[in-house]
Amino acid sequence: MSAEEHQEKEFMLETLTQQKIKYSLTSDWLHFVALCGVFPASTKAGIFKNWGKYEDLFIALVQEEGKIGVQHFMQAIVLYFIKKYNKEMSKYASTFMKKLVDEKVLRASFLISWYDKVERLDKDSMMYDKKSERKFRELNEPFFEWLRKENEQSGDDSSDSEEEKKETVEEVKTTTVEEETKAK
């Protein structure tokens, strides 16, 4: 990340924190506010073309909250595609989800568990919307079924020891951010 990109990310995080205080927002809402602010529907393909530029911002938001941050990010994605920009963006939801899996922002196992209702999102969150989750599952059913199949096939091809050796990008980025924070 260039110095300019780092400054931009820091500025955005600071702005989100200020808005959180000013409007008494809970931390979970910051994911949704950031998604809508950075990727408005008017930039339809912008969420795909520009995701890489802003990925670190969303990873930082997730890391701020710890494990529950992943659930809040998923809730924000659901609301973004179902409630906020349903007509304009819902057809792009599967493509965006695949991008998040490909770039290891979200783990396939988490998404499959959520789709199968084994893993639940934060019911205490102000963003929790069971109906929107159901609609998102239905909208993206072909993607989740494909993901399940891919996950099963890749699980058959690799041994447990190989899987244990691999760190996800999410874990690497967590470590990197923690190291950067300690260095400051």
C-alpha atoms as a PDB file:
ATOM      1  CA  MET A   1       0.000   0.000   0.000  1.00  0.00           C
ATOM      2  CA  SER A   2       1.386   3.361  -0.983  1.00  0.00           C
ATOM      3  CA  ALA A   3       1.726   6.179   1.525  1.00  0.00           C
ATOM      4  CA  GLU A   4      -1.092   8.032  -0.237  1.00  0.00           C
ATOM      5  CA  GLU A   5      -3.420   5.013  -0.051  1.00  0.00           C
ATOM      6  CA  HIS A   6      -2.518   4.523   3.611  1.00  0.00           C
ATOM      7  CA  GLN A   7      -3.370   8.168   4.342  1.00  0.00           C
ATOM      8  CA  GLU A   8      -6.681   7.826   2.503  1.00  0.00           C
ATOM      9  CA  LYS A   9      -7.596   4.709   4.491  1.00  0.00           C
ATOM     10  CA  GLU A  10      -6.678   6.440   7.759  1.00  0.00           C
ATOM     11  CA  PHE A  11      -8.724   9.503   6.757  1.00  0.00           C
ATOM     12  CA  MET A  12     -11.741   7.324   5.960  1.00  0.00           C
ATOM     13  CA  LEU A  13     -11.456   5.426   9.246  1.00  0.00           C
ATOM     14  CA  GLU A  14     -11.168   8.696  11.141  1.00  0.00           C
ATOM     15  CA  THR A  15     -14.198  10.119   9.320  1.00  0.00           C
ATOM     16  CA  LEU A  16     -16.233   7.004  10.062  1.00  0.00           C
ATOM     17  CA  THR A  17     -15.250   7.209  13.729  1.00  0.00           C
ATOM     18  CA  GLN A  18     -16.289  10.876  13.851  1.00  0.00           C
ATOM     19  CA  GLN A  19     -19.643  10.058  12.259  1.00  0.00           C
ATOM     20  CA  LYS A  20     -20.094   7.185  14.693  1.00  0.00           C
ATOM     21  CA  ILE A  21     -19.719   9.615  17.589  1.00  0.00           C
ATOM     22  CA  LYS A  22     -21.682  12.460  16.000  1.00  0.00           C
ATOM     23  CA  TYR A  23     -24.686  10.286  15.117  1.00  0.00           C
ATOM     24  CA  SER A  24     -24.387   7.755  17.968  1.00  0.00           C
ATOM     25  CA  LEU A  25     -23.891   4.896  15.516  1.00  0.00           C
ATOM     26  CA  THR A  26     -22.940   1.464  16.736  1.00  0.00           C
ATOM     27  CA  SER A  27     -19.757  -0.110  15.349  1.00  0.00           C
ATOM     28  CA  ASP A  28     -21.735  -2.597  13.278  1.00  0.00           C
ATOM     29  CA  TRP A  29     -23.307   0.215  11.225  1.00  0.00           C
ATOM     30  CA  LEU A  30     -19.910   1.492  10.124  1.00  0.00           C
ATOM     31  CA  HIS A  31     -19.586  -1.439   7.705  1.00  0.00           C
ATOM     32  CA  PHE A  32     -22.863  -0.525   6.022  1.00  0.00           C
ATOM     33  CA  VAL A  33     -22.159   3.215   5.993  1.00  0.00           C
ATOM     34  CA  ALA A  34     -18.745   2.557   4.444  1.00  0.00           C
ATOM     35  CA  LEU A  35     -20.140   0.196   1.772  1.00  0.00           C
ATOM     36  CA  CYS A  36     -22.830   2.682   0.752  1.00  0.00           C
ATOM     37  CA  GLY A  37     -20.496   5.658   0.902  1.00  0.00           C
ATOM     38  CA  VAL A  38     -17.595   4.144  -0.996  1.00  0.00           C
ATOM     39  CA  PHE A  39     -19.703   2.163  -3.485  1.00  0.00           C
ATOM     40  CA  PRO A  40     -22.942   4.010  -4.306  1.00  0.00           C
ATOM     41  CA  ALA A  41     -25.231   2.385  -6.888  1.00  0.00           C
ATOM     42  CA  SER A  42     -24.353   5.105  -9.388  1.00  0.00           C
ATOM     43  CA  THR A  43     -20.932   3.467  -9.746  1.00  0.00           C
ATOM     44  CA  LYS A  44     -22.419   0.026 -10.548  1.00  0.00           C
ATOM     45  CA  ALA A  45     -19.190  -1.680 -11.549  1.00  0.00           C
ATOM     46  CA  GLY A  46     -17.269   0.422  -9.038  1.00  0.00           C
ATOM     47  CA  ILE A  47     -17.645  -2.147  -6.298  1.00  0.00           C
ATOM     48  CA  PHE A  48     -15.735  -4.632  -8.462  1.00  0.00           C
ATOM     49  CA  LYS A  49     -13.259  -2.301 -10.099  1.00  0.00           C
ATOM     50  CA  ASN A  50     -12.432  -0.416  -6.910  1.00  0.00           C
ATOM     51  CA  TRP A  51     -12.740  -3.117  -4.261  1.00  0.00           C
ATOM     52  CA  GLY A  52      -8.969  -3.618  -4.124  1.00  0.00           C
ATOM     53  CA  LYS A  53      -8.412   0.061  -3.463  1.00  0.00           C
ATOM     54  CA  TYR A  54     -10.730   0.037  -0.415  1.00  0.00           C
ATOM     55  CA  GLU A  55     -10.367  -3.549   0.792  1.00  0.00           C
ATOM     56  CA  ASP A  56      -8.034  -2.524   3.621  1.00  0.00           C
ATOM     57  CA  LEU A  57     -10.658  -0.121   4.951  1.00  0.00           C
ATOM     58  CA  PHE A  58     -13.173  -2.933   5.379  1.00  0.00           C
ATOM     59  CA  ILE A  59     -10.589  -5.298   6.811  1.00  0.00           C
ATOM     60  CA  ALA A  60      -9.690  -2.614   9.360  1.00  0.00           C
ATOM     61  CA  LEU A  61     -13.364  -2.256  10.326  1.00  0.00           C
ATOM     62  CA  VAL A  62     -13.643  -6.019  10.779  1.00  0.00           C
ATOM     63  CA  GLN A  63     -10.448  -6.154  12.814  1.00  0.00           C
ATOM     64  CA  GLU A  64     -11.611  -3.345  15.094  1.00  0.00           C
ATOM     65  CA  GLU A  65     -14.490  -5.528  16.201  1.00  0.00           C
ATOM     66  CA  GLY A  66     -12.711  -8.863  16.287  1.00  0.00           C
ATOM     67  CA  LYS A  67     -14.542 -12.063  15.377  1.00  0.00           C
ATOM     68  CA  ILE A  68     -17.974 -10.455  15.362  1.00  0.00           C
ATOM     69  CA  GLY A  69     -16.710  -7.974  12.775  1.00  0.00           C
ATOM     70  CA  VAL A  70     -16.980 -10.642  10.064  1.00  0.00           C
ATOM     71  CA  GLN A  71     -20.648 -11.127  10.955  1.00  0.00           C
ATOM     72  CA  HIS A  72     -21.269  -7.382  10.850  1.00  0.00           C
ATOM     73  CA  PHE A  73     -19.529  -7.109   7.485  1.00  0.00           C
ATOM     74  CA  MET A  74     -21.730  -9.913   6.144  1.00  0.00           C
ATOM     75  CA  GLN A  75     -24.826  -8.180   7.528  1.00  0.00           C
ATOM     76  CA  ALA A  76     -23.765  -4.986   5.771  1.00  0.00           C
ATOM     77  CA  ILE A  77     -23.346  -6.865   2.480  1.00  0.00           C
ATOM     78  CA  VAL A  78     -26.827  -8.374   2.836  1.00  0.00           C
ATOM     79  CA  LEU A  79     -28.418  -4.991   3.510  1.00  0.00           C
ATOM     80  CA  TYR A  80     -26.408  -3.319   0.747  1.00  0.00           C
ATOM     81  CA  PHE A  81     -27.644  -5.742  -1.915  1.00  0.00           C
ATOM     82  CA  ILE A  82     -31.170  -6.384  -0.581  1.00  0.00           C
ATOM     83  CA  LYS A  83     -32.352  -3.221   1.175  1.00  0.00           C
ATOM     84  CA  LYS A  84     -30.307  -0.296  -0.081  1.00  0.00           C
ATOM     85  CA  TYR A  85     -29.540  -1.068  -3.729  1.00  0.00           C
ATOM     86  CA  ASN A  86     -31.773  -4.029  -4.521  1.00  0.00           C
ATOM     87  CA  LYS A  87     -32.961  -2.887  -7.946  1.00  0.00           C
ATOM     88  CA  GLU A  88     -29.614  -1.512  -9.069  1.00  0.00           C
ATOM     89  CA  MET A  89     -27.137  -3.948  -7.556  1.00  0.00           C
ATOM     90  CA  SER A  90     -28.728  -7.273  -6.569  1.00  0.00           C
ATOM     91  CA  LYS A  91     -27.740  -8.900  -9.858  1.00  0.00           C
ATOM     92  CA  TYR A  92     -24.087  -8.266  -8.948  1.00  0.00           C
ATOM     93  CA  ALA A  93     -24.248  -9.849  -5.482  1.00  0.00           C
ATOM     94  CA  SER A  94     -22.997 -13.297  -6.498  1.00  0.00           C
ATOM     95  CA  THR A  95     -20.114 -11.824  -8.454  1.00  0.00           C
ATOM     96  CA  PHE A  96     -19.126  -9.686  -5.483  1.00  0.00           C
ATOM     97  CA  MET A  97     -19.336 -12.647  -3.103  1.00  0.00           C
ATOM     98  CA  LYS A  98     -17.097 -14.684  -5.397  1.00  0.00           C
ATOM     99  CA  LYS A  99     -14.608 -11.820  -5.461  1.00  0.00           C
ATOM    100  CA  LEU A 100     -14.553 -11.749  -1.639  1.00  0.00           C
ATOM    101  CA  VAL A 101     -13.915 -15.499  -1.545  1.00  0.00           C
ATOM    102  CA  ASP A 102     -11.290 -15.379  -4.304  1.00  0.00           C
ATOM    103  CA  GLU A 103      -9.425 -12.633  -2.487  1.00  0.00           C
ATOM    104  CA  LYS A 104      -9.866 -14.508   0.803  1.00  0.00           C
ATOM    105  CA  VAL A 105     -11.655 -11.640   2.496  1.00  0.00           C
ATOM    106  CA  LEU A 106     -14.427 -14.040   3.498  1.00  0.00           C
ATOM    107  CA  ARG A 107     -13.840 -17.742   3.972  1.00  0.00           C
ATOM    108  CA  ALA A 108     -15.859 -20.209   1.947  1.00  0.00           C
ATOM    109  CA  SER A 109     -16.488 -22.260   5.096  1.00  0.00           C
ATOM    110  CA  PHE A 110     -18.006 -19.222   6.852  1.00  0.00           C
ATOM    111  CA  LEU A 111     -20.281 -18.436   3.897  1.00  0.00           C
ATOM    112  CA  ILE A 112     -21.425 -22.036   3.525  1.00  0.00           C
ATOM    113  CA  SER A 113     -22.118 -22.277   7.267  1.00  0.00           C
ATOM    114  CA  TRP A 114     -24.084 -19.042   7.108  1.00  0.00           C
ATOM    115  CA  TYR A 115     -25.997 -20.178   4.017  1.00  0.00           C
ATOM    116  CA  ASP A 116     -26.849 -23.484   5.746  1.00  0.00           C
ATOM    117  CA  LYS A 117     -27.933 -21.528   8.845  1.00  0.00           C
ATOM    118  CA  VAL A 118     -25.318 -23.258  10.969  1.00  0.00           C
ATOM    119  CA  GLU A 119     -23.545 -19.954  11.575  1.00  0.00           C
ATOM    120  CA  ARG A 120     -25.831 -17.100  12.539  1.00  0.00           C
ATOM    121  CA  LEU A 121     -25.140 -13.426  12.192  1.00  0.00           C
ATOM    122  CA  ASP A 122     -25.255 -11.154  15.225  1.00  0.00           C
ATOM    123  CA  LYS A 123     -28.894 -11.061  16.335  1.00  0.00           C
ATOM    124  CA  ASP A 124     -28.086  -8.221  18.731  1.00  0.00           C
ATOM    125  CA  SER A 125     -26.914  -6.028  15.872  1.00  0.00           C
ATOM    126  CA  MET A 126     -29.108  -3.132  14.796  1.00  0.00           C
ATOM    127  CA  MET A 127     -28.523  -4.398  11.233  1.00  0.00           C
ATOM    128  CA  TYR A 128     -29.947  -7.853  11.875  1.00  0.00           C
ATOM    129  CA  ASP A 129     -32.700  -8.501   9.327  1.00  0.00           C
ATOM    130  CA  LYS A 130     -33.819 -12.098   9.004  1.00  0.00           C
ATOM    131  CA  LYS A 131     -36.021 -11.413   5.963  1.00  0.00           C
ATOM    132  CA  SER A 132     -33.175  -9.744   4.083  1.00  0.00           C
ATOM    133  CA  GLU A 133     -30.894 -12.676   4.914  1.00  0.00           C
ATOM    134  CA  ARG A 134     -33.480 -15.081   3.506  1.00  0.00           C
ATOM    135  CA  LYS A 135     -33.813 -13.009   0.335  1.00  0.00           C
ATOM    136  CA  PHE A 136     -30.029 -12.822  -0.024  1.00  0.00           C
ATOM    137  CA  ARG A 137     -29.756 -16.613   0.328  1.00  0.00           C
ATOM    138  CA  GLU A 138     -32.454 -17.091  -2.310  1.00  0.00           C
ATOM    139  CA  LEU A 139     -30.936 -14.517  -4.662  1.00  0.00           C
ATOM    140  CA  ASN A 140     -27.514 -16.132  -4.466  1.00  0.00           C
ATOM    141  CA  GLU A 141     -28.484 -19.792  -4.158  1.00  0.00           C
ATOM    142  CA  PRO A 142     -26.616 -20.841  -7.343  1.00  0.00           C
ATOM    143  CA  PHE A 143     -23.453 -19.162  -6.022  1.00  0.00           C
ATOM    144  CA  PHE A 144     -23.663 -20.846  -2.623  1.00  0.00           C
ATOM    145  CA  GLU A 145     -24.314 -24.247  -4.198  1.00  0.00           C
ATOM    146  CA  TRP A 146     -21.344 -23.730  -6.522  1.00  0.00           C
ATOM    147  CA  LEU A 147     -19.211 -22.621  -3.564  1.00  0.00           C
ATOM    148  CA  ARG A 148     -20.199 -25.706  -1.582  1.00  0.00           C
ATOM    149  CA  LYS A 149     -19.257 -27.962  -4.509  1.00  0.00           C
ATOM    150  CA  GLU A 150     -15.915 -26.171  -5.011  1.00  0.00           C
ATOM    151  CA  ASN A 151     -15.169 -26.320  -1.293  1.00  0.00           C
ATOM    152  CA  GLU A 152     -15.913 -30.052  -1.162  1.00  0.00           C
ATOM    153  CA  GLN A 153     -13.745 -30.732  -4.214  1.00  0.00           C
ATOM    154  CA  SER A 154     -10.821 -28.720  -2.900  1.00  0.00           C
ATOM    155  CA  GLY A 155     -11.188 -30.458   0.459  1.00  0.00           C
ATOM    156  CA  ASP A 156     -10.907 -33.845  -1.241  1.00  0.00           C
ATOM    157  CA  ASP A 157      -7.776 -32.832  -3.154  1.00  0.00           C
ATOM    158  CA  SER A 158      -5.723 -31.548  -0.244  1.00  0.00           C
ATOM    159  CA  SER A 159      -4.544 -33.161   2.940  1.00  0.00           C
ATOM    160  CA  ASP A 160      -5.204 -31.779   6.408  1.00  0.00           C
ATOM    161  CA  SER A 161      -1.540 -30.941   6.907  1.00  0.00           C
ATOM    162  CA  GLU A 162      -1.509 -28.798   3.757  1.00  0.00           C
ATOM    163  CA  GLU A 163      -4.615 -26.958   4.940  1.00  0.00           C
ATOM    164  CA  GLU A 164      -3.062 -26.341   8.352  1.00  0.00           C
ATOM    165  CA  LYS A 165       0.031 -24.829   6.732  1.00  0.00           C
ATOM    166  CA  LYS A 166      -1.982 -22.335   4.697  1.00  0.00           C
ATOM    167  CA  GLU A 167      -2.865 -19.037   6.307  1.00  0.00           C
ATOM    168  CA  THR A 168      -5.780 -17.161   4.866  1.00  0.00           C
ATOM    169  CA  VAL A 169      -5.207 -13.658   3.580  1.00  0.00           C
ATOM    170  CA  GLU A 170      -7.483 -12.472   6.365  1.00  0.00           C
ATOM    171  CA  GLU A 171      -5.138 -13.910   9.017  1.00  0.00           C
ATOM    172  CA  VAL A 172      -2.065 -12.547   7.254  1.00  0.00           C
ATOM    173  CA  LYS A 173      -3.638  -9.110   6.994  1.00  0.00           C
ATOM    174  CA  THR A 174      -4.620  -9.256  10.672  1.00  0.00           C
ATOM    175  CA  THR A 175      -1.034 -10.032  11.600  1.00  0.00           C
ATOM    176  CA  THR A 176       0.271  -7.296   9.305  1.00  0.00           C
ATOM    177  CA  VAL A 177      -2.073  -4.676  10.750  1.00  0.00           C
ATOM    178  CA  GLU A 178      -1.197  -5.720  14.307  1.00  0.00           C
ATOM    179  CA  GLU A 179       2.512  -5.423  13.481  1.00  0.00           C
ATOM    180  CA  GLU A 180       1.989  -1.993  11.883  1.00  0.00           C
ATOM    181  CA  THR A 181       0.038  -0.847  14.948  1.00  0.00           C
ATOM    182  CA  LYS A 182       2.776  -2.034  17.336  1.00  0.00           C
ATOM    183  CA  ALA A 183       5.450  -0.360  15.210  1.00  0.00           C
ATOM    184  CA  LYS A 184       3.736   3.008  15.608  1.00  0.00           C
END
